[in-house]
C-alpha atoms as a PDB file:
ATOM      1  CA  MET A   1      34.920  21.208  65.876  1.00  0.00           C
ATOM      2  CA  THR A   2      33.140  22.156  62.908  1.00  0.00           C
ATOM      3  CA  ARG A   3      30.801  25.340  63.351  1.00  0.00           C
ATOM      4  CA  ILE A   4      26.762  25.590  62.564  1.00  0.00           C
ATOM      5  CA  PRO A   5      26.791  27.277  59.162  1.00  0.00           C
ATOM      6  CA  GLY A   6      25.928  30.465  59.113  1.00  0.00           C
ATOM      7  CA  TRP A   7      22.500  30.399  57.538  1.00  0.00           C
ATOM      8  CA  LEU A   8      21.342  27.741  60.143  1.00  0.00           C
ATOM      9  CA  ARG A   9      22.359  30.149  63.140  1.00  0.00           C
ATOM     10  CA  ASP A  10      19.426  32.639  61.904  1.00  0.00           C
ATOM     11  CA  LYS A  11      16.937  32.684  64.653  1.00  0.00           C
ATOM     12  CA  ARG A  12      13.820  32.361  61.628  1.00  0.00           C
ATOM     13  CA  VAL A  13      15.690  30.003  59.683  1.00  0.00           C
ATOM     14  CA  TYR A  14      16.222  27.924  62.707  1.00  0.00           C
ATOM     15  CA  VAL A  15      12.496  27.929  64.009  1.00  0.00           C
ATOM     16  CA  THR A  16      11.227  27.575  61.270  1.00  0.00           C
ATOM     17  CA  LEU A  17      13.195  24.289  60.682  1.00  0.00           C
ATOM     18  CA  GLU A  18      12.241  23.487  64.343  1.00  0.00           C
ATOM     19  CA  LEU A  19       8.756  23.589  63.876  1.00  0.00           C
ATOM     20  CA  LEU A  20       8.808  21.612  60.494  1.00  0.00           C
ATOM     21  CA  GLY A  21      10.467  18.938  62.508  1.00  0.00           C
ATOM     22  CA  LEU A  22       7.754  19.226  64.984  1.00  0.00           C
ATOM     23  CA  ALA A  23       4.778  19.084  62.106  1.00  0.00           C
ATOM     24  CA  VAL A  24       6.359  16.259  60.623  1.00  0.00           C
ATOM     25  CA  LEU A  25       6.704  14.432  63.757  1.00  0.00           C
ATOM     26  CA  LEU A  26       3.167  15.032  65.150  1.00  0.00           C
ATOM     27  CA  GLY A  27       1.932  13.744  61.597  1.00  0.00           C
ATOM     28  CA  ALA A  28       3.650  10.841  62.064  1.00  0.00           C
ATOM     29  CA  LEU A  29       2.373  10.082  65.384  1.00  0.00           C
ATOM     30  CA  ALA A  30      -1.072  10.391  64.486  1.00  0.00           C
ATOM     31  CA  TYR A  31      -1.019   8.390  61.309  1.00  0.00           C
ATOM     32  CA  ALA A  32       1.007   5.965  63.553  1.00  0.00           C
ATOM     33  CA  MET A  33      -2.071   6.070  66.198  1.00  0.00           C
ATOM     34  CA  ARG A  34      -5.081   6.198  63.759  1.00  0.00           C
ATOM     35  CA  ASP A  35      -6.517   2.849  64.808  1.00  0.00           C
ATOM     36  CA  VAL A  36      -6.078   3.076  68.455  1.00  0.00           C
ATOM     37  CA  TRP A  37      -7.671   6.324  68.202  1.00  0.00           C
ATOM     38  CA  ALA A  38     -11.171   4.890  67.206  1.00  0.00           C
ATOM     39  CA  ASP A  39     -10.891   3.347  70.217  1.00  0.00           C
ATOM     40  CA  ALA A  40      -9.652   5.641  72.889  1.00  0.00           C
ATOM     41  CA  ALA A  41     -12.039   8.403  71.439  1.00  0.00           C
ATOM     42  CA  PRO A  42     -15.245   7.401  73.237  1.00  0.00           C
ATOM     43  CA  ARG A  43     -13.029   6.360  76.628  1.00  0.00           C
ATOM     44  CA  LEU A  44     -12.121  10.294  76.381  1.00  0.00           C
ATOM     45  CA  ARG A  45     -15.572  11.348  76.015  1.00  0.00           C
ATOM     46  CA  ASP A  46     -16.823   9.189  78.799  1.00  0.00           C
ATOM     47  CA  ALA A  47     -13.437   9.546  81.242  1.00  0.00           C
ATOM     48  CA  SER A  48     -14.376  10.016  84.431  1.00  0.00           C
ATOM     49  CA  LEU A  49     -14.403  13.642  85.985  1.00  0.00           C
ATOM     50  CA  THR A  50     -13.511  12.534  89.365  1.00  0.00           C
ATOM     51  CA  ASP A  51     -10.627  10.824  88.401  1.00  0.00           C
ATOM     52  CA  LEU A  52      -9.394  13.638  86.142  1.00  0.00           C
ATOM     53  CA  ALA A  53      -9.716  15.850  89.098  1.00  0.00           C
ATOM     54  CA  ILE A  54      -7.772  14.267  91.385  1.00  0.00           C
ATOM     55  CA  ALA A  55      -4.871  13.632  89.187  1.00  0.00           C
ATOM     56  CA  THR A  56      -5.001  17.409  88.409  1.00  0.00           C
ATOM     57  CA  ALA A  57      -4.530  18.195  91.431  1.00  0.00           C
ATOM     58  CA  ILE A  58      -1.972  15.677  92.193  1.00  0.00           C
ATOM     59  CA  ILE A  59       0.050  17.306  89.109  1.00  0.00           C
ATOM     60  CA  ALA A  60      -0.427  20.687  90.949  1.00  0.00           C
ATOM     61  CA  GLY A  61       0.866  19.521  94.040  1.00  0.00           C
ATOM     62  CA  TYR A  62       3.998  17.959  92.414  1.00  0.00           C
ATOM     63  CA  TYR A  63       4.911  21.263  90.623  1.00  0.00           C
ATOM     64  CA  ALA A  64       4.446  23.236  93.828  1.00  0.00           C
ATOM     65  CA  ALA A  65       6.776  20.575  95.469  1.00  0.00           C
ATOM     66  CA  PHE A  66       8.986  20.787  92.928  1.00  0.00           C
ATOM     67  CA  VAL A  67      10.026  24.335  93.496  1.00  0.00           C
ATOM     68  CA  LEU A  68      11.342  23.109  96.919  1.00  0.00           C
ATOM     69  CA  GLY A  69      14.324  20.929  95.309  1.00  0.00           C
ATOM     70  CA  TRP A  70      15.456  24.547  93.351  1.00  0.00           C
ATOM     71  CA  MET A  71      15.350  26.422  96.387  1.00  0.00           C
ATOM     72  CA  ARG A  72      17.774  24.442  98.407  1.00  0.00           C
ATOM     73  CA  ILE A  73      20.068  24.381  95.408  1.00  0.00           C
ATOM     74  CA  LEU A  74      19.983  27.938  95.670  1.00  0.00           C
ATOM     75  CA  ALA A  75      20.097  28.250  99.438  1.00  0.00           C
ATOM     76  CA  ALA A  76      23.576  26.168  99.113  1.00  0.00           C
ATOM     77  CA  TYR A  77      24.957  29.045  97.085  1.00  0.00           C
ATOM     78  CA  GLY A  78      24.067  31.272  99.661  1.00  0.00           C
ATOM     79  CA  ILE A  79      20.921  32.252  97.591  1.00  0.00           C
ATOM     80  CA  ARG A  80      17.834  32.497 100.270  1.00  0.00           C
ATOM     81  CA  ILE A  81      14.263  33.545  98.630  1.00  0.00           C
ATOM     82  CA  PRO A  82      10.804  32.964  99.574  1.00  0.00           C
ATOM     83  CA  TYR A  83       8.506  30.324  98.146  1.00  0.00           C
ATOM     84  CA  ARG A  84       6.276  33.013  96.231  1.00  0.00           C
ATOM     85  CA  VAL A  85       9.492  34.094  94.647  1.00  0.00           C
ATOM     86  CA  ALA A  86      10.486  31.136  93.514  1.00  0.00           C
ATOM     87  CA  LEU A  87       7.138  29.851  92.647  1.00  0.00           C
ATOM     88  CA  GLN A  88       6.816  32.894  90.342  1.00  0.00           C
ATOM     89  CA  ALA A  89      10.269  32.300  88.354  1.00  0.00           C
ATOM     90  CA  GLU A  90       9.259  28.638  87.972  1.00  0.00           C
ATOM     91  CA  MET A  91       6.091  29.856  86.434  1.00  0.00           C
ATOM     92  CA  LEU A  92       7.518  32.281  84.199  1.00  0.00           C
ATOM     93  CA  SER A  93       9.786  29.462  83.132  1.00  0.00           C
ATOM     94  CA  MET A  94       6.910  27.203  82.121  1.00  0.00           C
ATOM     95  CA  LEU A  95       5.685  29.877  79.801  1.00  0.00           C
ATOM     96  CA  ALA A  96       9.020  30.017  78.038  1.00  0.00           C
ATOM     97  CA  LYS A  97       9.348  26.367  77.462  1.00  0.00           C
ATOM     98  CA  TYR A  98       6.602  26.704  74.952  1.00  0.00           C
ATOM     99  CA  VAL A  99       8.762  28.758  73.331  1.00  0.00           C
ATOM    100  CA  PRO A 100      11.184  26.698  70.411  1.00  0.00           C
ATOM    101  CA  GLY A 101      15.040  26.453  71.197  1.00  0.00           C
ATOM    102  CA  GLY A 102      15.293  25.502  74.882  1.00  0.00           C
ATOM    103  CA  VAL A 103      17.460  28.747  75.861  1.00  0.00           C
ATOM    104  CA  TRP A 104      14.336  30.327  76.942  1.00  0.00           C
ATOM    105  CA  THR A 105      13.508  28.348  80.103  1.00  0.00           C
ATOM    106  CA  PRO A 106      16.610  29.250  81.962  1.00  0.00           C
ATOM    107  CA  ALA A 107      16.531  33.070  80.360  1.00  0.00           C
ATOM    108  CA  ALA A 108      12.940  33.820  82.117  1.00  0.00           C
ATOM    109  CA  ARG A 109      14.059  32.041  85.348  1.00  0.00           C
ATOM    110  CA  VAL A 110      17.471  34.692  85.539  1.00  0.00           C
ATOM    111  CA  VAL A 111      14.739  37.288  84.694  1.00  0.00           C
ATOM    112  CA  ALA A 112      12.378  36.448  87.229  1.00  0.00           C
ATOM    113  CA  LEU A 113      15.208  36.526  89.981  1.00  0.00           C
ATOM    114  CA  ARG A 114      16.873  39.615  88.551  1.00  0.00           C
ATOM    115  CA  ARG A 115      13.564  41.296  89.537  1.00  0.00           C
ATOM    116  CA  PHE A 116      13.868  40.461  93.132  1.00  0.00           C
ATOM    117  CA  GLY A 117      17.256  41.495  93.443  1.00  0.00           C
ATOM    118  CA  VAL A 118      19.396  38.458  92.413  1.00  0.00           C
ATOM    119  CA  LYS A 119      21.676  39.116  89.773  1.00  0.00           C
ATOM    120  CA  GLU A 120      24.154  36.049  90.126  1.00  0.00           C
ATOM    121  CA  THR A 121      23.180  34.986  86.469  1.00  0.00           C
ATOM    122  CA  PRO A 122      25.641  32.188  86.185  1.00  0.00           C
ATOM    123  CA  VAL A 123      24.912  30.986  89.761  1.00  0.00           C
ATOM    124  CA  VAL A 124      21.077  30.834  88.614  1.00  0.00           C
ATOM    125  CA  LEU A 125      22.183  29.233  85.346  1.00  0.00           C
ATOM    126  CA  ALA A 126      24.056  26.698  87.306  1.00  0.00           C
ATOM    127  CA  SER A 127      21.201  26.006  89.515  1.00  0.00           C
ATOM    128  CA  VAL A 128      18.822  25.334  86.783  1.00  0.00           C
ATOM    129  CA  LEU A 129      21.331  22.877  85.652  1.00  0.00           C
ATOM    130  CA  LEU A 130      21.542  20.812  88.686  1.00  0.00           C
ATOM    131  CA  GLU A 131      17.757  21.077  89.338  1.00  0.00           C
ATOM    132  CA  ALA A 132      17.551  19.294  85.628  1.00  0.00           C
ATOM    133  CA  GLY A 133      20.484  16.969  86.597  1.00  0.00           C
ATOM    134  CA  LEU A 134      19.823  15.624  89.623  1.00  0.00           C
ATOM    135  CA  SER A 135      15.671  15.232  89.010  1.00  0.00           C
ATOM    136  CA  ALA A 136      16.620  12.879  86.057  1.00  0.00           C
ATOM    137  CA  VAL A 137      19.002  10.864  88.097  1.00  0.00           C
ATOM    138  CA  ALA A 138      16.346  10.216  90.339  1.00  0.00           C
ATOM    139  CA  GLY A 139      13.848   9.497  88.005  1.00  0.00           C
ATOM    140  CA  VAL A 140      16.095   7.382  85.810  1.00  0.00           C
ATOM    141  CA  GLY A 141      16.591   5.597  90.049  1.00  0.00           C
ATOM    142  CA  VAL A 142      12.475   5.362  90.329  1.00  0.00           C
ATOM    143  CA  PHE A 143      11.795   4.150  86.971  1.00  0.00           C
ATOM    144  CA  LEU A 144      14.431   1.314  87.429  1.00  0.00           C
ATOM    145  CA  LEU A 145      12.853   0.315  90.395  1.00  0.00           C
ATOM    146  CA  GLY A 146       9.538   0.440  89.327  1.00  0.00           C
ATOM    147  CA  LEU A 147      10.487  -2.118  86.871  1.00  0.00           C
ATOM    148  CA  VAL A 148      11.006  -4.625  89.874  1.00  0.00           C
ATOM    149  CA  LEU A 149       7.047  -4.047  90.378  1.00  0.00           C
ATOM    150  CA  VAL A 150       5.917  -4.412  86.850  1.00  0.00           C
ATOM    151  CA  SER A 151       6.407  -7.140  84.399  1.00  0.00           C
ATOM    152  CA  ASP A 152       6.866  -7.855  80.757  1.00  0.00           C
ATOM    153  CA  VAL A 153       8.392  -4.155  80.062  1.00  0.00           C
ATOM    154  CA  ASP A 154       9.666  -2.917  76.875  1.00  0.00           C
ATOM    155  CA  ALA A 155      11.940  -0.268  78.099  1.00  0.00           C
ATOM    156  CA  PRO A 156      15.148   1.049  76.466  1.00  0.00           C
ATOM    157  CA  LEU A 157      16.838   0.596  79.629  1.00  0.00           C
ATOM    158  CA  LEU A 158      20.384   0.563  78.341  1.00  0.00           C
ATOM    159  CA  PRO A 159      20.301   4.048  76.985  1.00  0.00           C
ATOM    160  CA  LEU A 160      18.430   4.822  80.249  1.00  0.00           C
ATOM    161  CA  ALA A 161      21.059   3.602  82.202  1.00  0.00           C
ATOM    162  CA  LEU A 162      23.685   4.801  80.327  1.00  0.00           C
ATOM    163  CA  PHE A 163      21.795   8.611  80.054  1.00  0.00           C
ATOM    164  CA  GLY A 164      21.931   8.309  84.183  1.00  0.00           C
ATOM    165  CA  LEU A 165      25.267   7.579  84.270  1.00  0.00           C
ATOM    166  CA  VAL A 166      26.533  10.166  82.246  1.00  0.00           C
ATOM    167  CA  VAL A 167      24.212  13.125  83.732  1.00  0.00           C
ATOM    168  CA  ALA A 168      25.562  11.178  87.505  1.00  0.00           C
ATOM    169  CA  VAL A 169      29.122  12.230  86.149  1.00  0.00           C
ATOM    170  CA  LEU A 170      28.442  15.365  84.725  1.00  0.00           C
ATOM    171  CA  LEU A 171      27.219  16.149  88.345  1.00  0.00           C
ATOM    172  CA  HIS A 172      30.380  14.742  90.281  1.00  0.00           C
ATOM    173  CA  PRO A 173      31.767  17.785  92.247  1.00  0.00           C
ATOM    174  CA  ARG A 174      35.578  17.136  89.871  1.00  0.00           C
ATOM    175  CA  VAL A 175      33.374  17.329  86.463  1.00  0.00           C
ATOM    176  CA  PHE A 176      30.530  19.891  87.021  1.00  0.00           C
ATOM    177  CA  GLY A 177      33.025  22.671  88.259  1.00  0.00           C
ATOM    178  CA  PRO A 178      35.265  22.775  85.096  1.00  0.00           C
ATOM    179  CA  VAL A 179      32.216  22.024  82.764  1.00  0.00           C
ATOM    180  CA  ALA A 180      29.484  24.696  84.350  1.00  0.00           C
ATOM    181  CA  ARG A 181      32.838  27.281  84.210  1.00  0.00           C
ATOM    182  CA  ARG A 182      32.859  26.433  80.524  1.00  0.00           C
ATOM    183  CA  LEU A 183      29.317  26.651  79.886  1.00  0.00           C
ATOM    184  CA  LEU A 184      28.951  29.413  81.819  1.00  0.00           C
ATOM    185  CA  ARG A 185      31.807  31.615  81.036  1.00  0.00           C
ATOM    186  CA  PRO A 186      29.670  34.299  78.584  1.00  0.00           C
ATOM    187  CA  PHE A 187      28.107  35.431  81.508  1.00  0.00           C
ATOM    188  CA  GLY A 188      30.963  36.065  83.749  1.00  0.00           C
ATOM    189  CA  ALA A 189      31.035  33.123  85.734  1.00  0.00           C
ATOM    190  CA  GLY A 190      34.750  32.561  87.298  1.00  0.00           C
ATOM    191  CA  GLU A 191      34.946  29.157  89.502  1.00  0.00           C
ATOM    192  CA  VAL A 192      31.300  27.218  89.781  1.00  0.00           C
ATOM    193  CA  ARG A 193      31.306  25.692  92.950  1.00  0.00           C
ATOM    194  CA  PRO A 194      29.785  22.464  92.931  1.00  0.00           C
ATOM    195  CA  LEU A 195      26.875  21.351  95.511  1.00  0.00           C
ATOM    196  CA  PRO A 196      28.216  19.861  98.500  1.00  0.00           C
ATOM    197  CA  ALA A 197      28.293  15.963  98.071  1.00  0.00           C
ATOM    198  CA  ARG A 198      25.850  15.364 100.942  1.00  0.00           C
ATOM    199  CA  THR A 199      23.734  18.164  99.644  1.00  0.00           C
ATOM    200  CA  ALA A 200      23.619  16.621  95.971  1.00  0.00           C
ATOM    201  CA  PHE A 201      22.568  13.270  97.923  1.00  0.00           C
ATOM    202  CA  GLU A 202      19.744  14.577 100.062  1.00  0.00           C
ATOM    203  CA  LEU A 203      18.034  16.336  96.581  1.00  0.00           C
ATOM    204  CA  VAL A 204      18.300  13.557  94.576  1.00  0.00           C
ATOM    205  CA  GLY A 205      16.384  11.908  97.718  1.00  0.00           C
ATOM    206  CA  PHE A 206      14.026  14.391  97.844  1.00  0.00           C
ATOM    207  CA  TYR A 207      13.350  14.184  93.958  1.00  0.00           C
ATOM    208  CA  ALA A 208      12.825  10.526  93.914  1.00  0.00           C
ATOM    209  CA  LEU A 209       9.775  11.080  96.185  1.00  0.00           C
ATOM    210  CA  THR A 210       8.440  13.413  93.834  1.00  0.00           C
ATOM    211  CA  TRP A 211       8.539  11.434  91.273  1.00  0.00           C
ATOM    212  CA  PRO A 212       5.711   9.303  92.195  1.00  0.00           C
ATOM    213  CA  LEU A 213       3.252  12.097  92.265  1.00  0.00           C
ATOM    214  CA  GLY A 214       3.217  11.877  88.659  1.00  0.00           C
ATOM    215  CA  GLY A 215       3.282   8.421  89.016  1.00  0.00           C
ATOM    216  CA  ALA A 216      -0.111   8.734  90.944  1.00  0.00           C
ATOM    217  CA  ALA A 217      -0.994  10.987  88.788  1.00  0.00           C
ATOM    218  CA  LEU A 218      -0.852   8.898  85.972  1.00  0.00           C
ATOM    219  CA  PHE A 219      -2.350   6.062  88.229  1.00  0.00           C
ATOM    220  CA  PHE A 220      -5.668   8.110  88.173  1.00  0.00           C
ATOM    221  CA  LEU A 221      -5.737   8.916  84.604  1.00  0.00           C
ATOM    222  CA  LEU A 222      -5.782   5.053  83.542  1.00  0.00           C
ATOM    223  CA  ARG A 223      -8.859   4.672  85.480  1.00  0.00           C
ATOM    224  CA  ALA A 224     -10.195   7.908  84.205  1.00  0.00           C
ATOM    225  CA  VAL A 225     -10.376   5.799  80.839  1.00  0.00           C
ATOM    226  CA  GLY A 226     -11.539   2.681  82.005  1.00  0.00           C
ATOM    227  CA  GLY A 227      -7.960   1.239  83.161  1.00  0.00           C
ATOM    228  CA  ASP A 228      -7.645  -0.934  86.694  1.00  0.00           C
ATOM    229  CA  PRO A 229      -3.976   0.068  87.301  1.00  0.00           C
ATOM    230  CA  ASP A 230      -2.616  -2.013  90.388  1.00  0.00           C
ATOM    231  CA  VAL A 231      -1.638   0.407  93.330  1.00  0.00           C
ATOM    232  CA  ALA A 232       1.932  -1.477  93.078  1.00  0.00           C
ATOM    233  CA  ALA A 233       2.402   0.064  89.619  1.00  0.00           C
ATOM    234  CA  ILE A 234       3.005   4.023  91.258  1.00  0.00           C
ATOM    235  CA  PRO A 235       6.367   3.580  91.196  1.00  0.00           C
ATOM    236  CA  PHE A 236       6.891   2.232  87.696  1.00  0.00           C
ATOM    237  CA  LEU A 237       4.158   5.124  86.725  1.00  0.00           C
ATOM    238  CA  GLY A 238       5.868   8.038  88.040  1.00  0.00           C
ATOM    239  CA  GLY A 239       9.329   6.286  86.638  1.00  0.00           C
ATOM    240  CA  THR A 240       7.214   6.537  83.300  1.00  0.00           C
ATOM    241  CA  ALA A 241       6.221  10.341  84.175  1.00  0.00           C
ATOM    242  CA  ALA A 242      10.019  10.950  84.527  1.00  0.00           C
ATOM    243  CA  VAL A 243      11.055   9.411  81.480  1.00  0.00           C
ATOM    244  CA  GLY A 244       8.681  11.428  79.632  1.00  0.00           C
ATOM    245  CA  ALA A 245      10.034  14.616  81.087  1.00  0.00           C
ATOM    246  CA  ILE A 246      13.921  13.677  80.558  1.00  0.00           C
ATOM    247  CA  VAL A 247      12.816  13.019  76.657  1.00  0.00           C
ATOM    248  CA  ALA A 248      11.008  16.358  76.610  1.00  0.00           C
ATOM    249  CA  VAL A 249      13.780  18.281  77.917  1.00  0.00           C
ATOM    250  CA  LEU A 250      16.506  16.633  75.371  1.00  0.00           C
ATOM    251  CA  ALA A 251      13.843  17.357  72.310  1.00  0.00           C
ATOM    252  CA  VAL A 252      14.428  20.935  72.252  1.00  0.00           C
ATOM    253  CA  PHE A 253      12.683  21.249  68.972  1.00  0.00           C
ATOM    254  CA  ALA A 254       9.662  20.414  70.170  1.00  0.00           C
ATOM    255  CA  PRO A 255       8.201  23.486  72.720  1.00  0.00           C
ATOM    256  CA  SER A 256       7.529  21.633  75.616  1.00  0.00           C
ATOM    257  CA  GLY A 257       8.518  18.582  74.443  1.00  0.00           C
ATOM    258  CA  LEU A 258       4.916  18.131  72.555  1.00  0.00           C
ATOM    259  CA  GLY A 259       4.445  14.692  71.059  1.00  0.00           C
ATOM    260  CA  VAL A 260       8.067  13.580  72.202  1.00  0.00           C
ATOM    261  CA  ARG A 261       6.937  12.980  75.781  1.00  0.00           C
ATOM    262  CA  GLU A 262       3.389  11.270  74.571  1.00  0.00           C
ATOM    263  CA  ALA A 263       5.249   9.303  72.392  1.00  0.00           C
ATOM    264  CA  SER A 264       7.655   7.372  75.149  1.00  0.00           C
ATOM    265  CA  MET A 265       5.023   7.878  77.616  1.00  0.00           C
ATOM    266  CA  TYR A 266       2.422   5.835  75.515  1.00  0.00           C
ATOM    267  CA  GLY A 267       4.948   3.251  74.583  1.00  0.00           C
ATOM    268  CA  LEU A 268       5.623   2.370  78.572  1.00  0.00           C
ATOM    269  CA  LEU A 269       2.354   2.349  79.641  1.00  0.00           C
ATOM    270  CA  LEU A 270       1.297  -0.651  77.390  1.00  0.00           C
ATOM    271  CA  ALA A 271       2.947  -2.365  80.056  1.00  0.00           C
ATOM    272  CA  VAL A 272       0.075  -1.942  82.798  1.00  0.00           C
ATOM    273  CA  ALA A 273      -2.626  -0.890  80.173  1.00  0.00           C
ATOM    274  CA  SER A 274      -4.137  -1.996  76.755  1.00  0.00           C
ATOM    275  CA  GLU A 275      -3.797   0.408  73.604  1.00  0.00           C
ATOM    276  CA  ALA A 276      -6.870   2.431  73.563  1.00  0.00           C
ATOM    277  CA  VAL A 277      -6.841   3.409  77.834  1.00  0.00           C
ATOM    278  CA  ALA A 278      -2.670   3.726  77.444  1.00  0.00           C
ATOM    279  CA  LEU A 279      -3.511   6.434  74.604  1.00  0.00           C
ATOM    280  CA  GLY A 280      -6.587   7.964  76.669  1.00  0.00           C
ATOM    281  CA  ALA A 281      -4.149   8.472  79.766  1.00  0.00           C
ATOM    282  CA  THR A 282      -1.006   9.923  77.330  1.00  0.00           C
ATOM    283  CA  VAL A 283      -3.612  12.456  75.665  1.00  0.00           C
ATOM    284  CA  LEU A 284      -5.271  13.661  79.335  1.00  0.00           C
ATOM    285  CA  ASN A 285      -1.608  13.776  80.979  1.00  0.00           C
ATOM    286  CA  ARG A 286      -0.740  16.479  77.904  1.00  0.00           C
ATOM    287  CA  LEU A 287      -3.990  17.989  78.635  1.00  0.00           C
ATOM    288  CA  ALA A 288      -3.801  17.980  82.649  1.00  0.00           C
ATOM    289  CA  ILE A 289      -0.543  19.640  82.619  1.00  0.00           C
ATOM    290  CA  THR A 290      -1.290  22.298  80.196  1.00  0.00           C
ATOM    291  CA  LEU A 291      -4.373  23.413  82.444  1.00  0.00           C
ATOM    292  CA  VAL A 292      -2.153  23.494  85.544  1.00  0.00           C
ATOM    293  CA  GLU A 293       0.784  25.466  84.163  1.00  0.00           C
ATOM    294  CA  ALA A 294      -2.332  27.688  82.474  1.00  0.00           C
ATOM    295  CA  VAL A 295      -3.472  28.311  86.291  1.00  0.00           C
ATOM    296  CA  LEU A 296      -0.323  28.430  87.653  1.00  0.00           C
ATOM    297  CA  LEU A 297       0.846  31.146  84.779  1.00  0.00           C
ATOM    298  CA  LEU A 298      -2.208  32.898  85.256  1.00  0.00           C
ATOM    299  CA  VAL A 299      -1.543  33.201  89.001  1.00  0.00           C
ATOM    300  CA  GLY A 300       2.211  34.380  88.306  1.00  0.00           C
ATOM    301  CA  ALA A 301       0.318  36.939  85.463  1.00  0.00           C
ATOM    302  CA  LEU A 302      -1.727  38.253  88.761  1.00  0.00           C
ATOM    303  CA  MET A 303       1.326  38.220  91.129  1.00  0.00           C
ATOM    304  CA  ILE A 304       3.724  39.480  88.195  1.00  0.00           C
ATOM    305  CA  ARG A 305       4.165  42.786  86.821  1.00  0.00           C
ATOM    306  CA  ARG A 306       6.251  42.053  84.187  1.00  0.00           C
ATOM    307  CA  SER A 307       8.255  45.695  83.205  1.00  0.00           C
ATOM    308  CA  ARG A 308       9.702  46.401  80.172  1.00  0.00           C
ATOM    309  CA  PRO A 309      13.362  46.045  81.686  1.00  0.00           C
ATOM    310  CA  ALA A 310      12.655  42.864  82.213  1.00  0.00           C
ATOM    311  CA  VAL A 311      11.396  41.487  79.307  1.00  0.00           C
ATOM    312  CA  ASP A 312      14.448  43.278  77.763  1.00  0.00           C
ATOM    313  CA  GLY A 313      16.487  41.174  80.215  1.00  0.00           C
ATOM    314  CA  ALA A 314      15.224  38.445  78.541  1.00  0.00           C
ATOM    315  CA  ALA A 315      15.981  38.876  75.341  1.00  0.00           C
ATOM    316  CA  GLU A 316      19.917  39.352  76.309  1.00  0.00           C
ATOM    317  CA  ILE A 317      19.992  36.610  78.264  1.00  0.00           C
ATOM    318  CA  GLY A 318      18.337  34.573  75.591  1.00  0.00           C
ATOM    319  CA  HIS A 319      20.689  35.626  72.652  1.00  0.00           C
ATOM    320  CA  GLU A 320      23.405  35.153  75.183  1.00  0.00           C
ATOM    321  CA  LEU A 321      22.562  31.570  75.749  1.00  0.00           C
ATOM    322  CA  VAL A 322      21.867  30.913  72.110  1.00  0.00           C
ATOM    323  CA  SER A 323      25.514  31.959  71.072  1.00  0.00           C
ATOM    324  CA  VAL A 324      26.950  29.610  74.217  1.00  0.00           C
ATOM    325  CA  ARG A 325      25.000  27.016  72.205  1.00  0.00           C
ATOM    326  CA  ASP A 326      26.476  27.802  68.551  1.00  0.00           C
ATOM    327  CA  SER A 327      29.547  28.621  70.088  1.00  0.00           C
ATOM    328  CA  SER A 328      29.640  24.548  71.568  1.00  0.00           C
ATOM    329  CA  SER A 329      28.338  23.200  68.328  1.00  0.00           C
END
């Protein structure tokens, strides 16, 4: 397999190219939405603060619930941590996902747990992979189920179905073990034990129940800007939130999926709202997510005193993750 040229592995060049790509993407989206924005802007100025507050509270609840799934994965590997510790680790990774590259989110999770005595780096990284994969499979399932309740949706069904199938195959015990062992070998991984099948199915069911929380948040965001969605559309809206999150993870060049997430969600929201309402809700969704993450990060900063060794550890793990990414290219 052809390796990436040396000049592309320079961190400054890589980050610069990512930021340039992000600027081009955001510029193209702004140009494409210029006419719709004229109708959406008044809706944003007159948005219902009550509906917006309800949506923001639901998003915060979603984040709080999501942590429980990761704790269950860690427990399956014999790592049992208090909810407070898991929440702190998630908060630190929220901050890291705004850094271009996509490697700092798992690095931050590892460093946060190291501060509390959890030093099984390969296991923690494997748990992050499992969390992303299981929640993605559940999200695709919720989206496909939601389509039954909503008509006239122009969605990329085949790519989504294929993506869900590929992820499901990668999560299969006979596949996940060898793949994870190869990816995590630089971190000292030997045999990476896959999750028991029963635990994996339980977690898919759990994540499938969390995505409708995202749908409920979108429901109230649509209402905040003058939309009138049907309550029956909440499962579809949960799937829309899931698709946006999946795209955000795959688009590593965009910090927190900025722009890419919004574009995918806007296109799907057109099935239940007008262009102006869909754009307004999409903008409010980004603002609400950012607000919740900022508040949680502030809480995390008050709860965690980040020491210099932790920062050095994050840099070391991040460099190792970059090396893994480069060697696999």
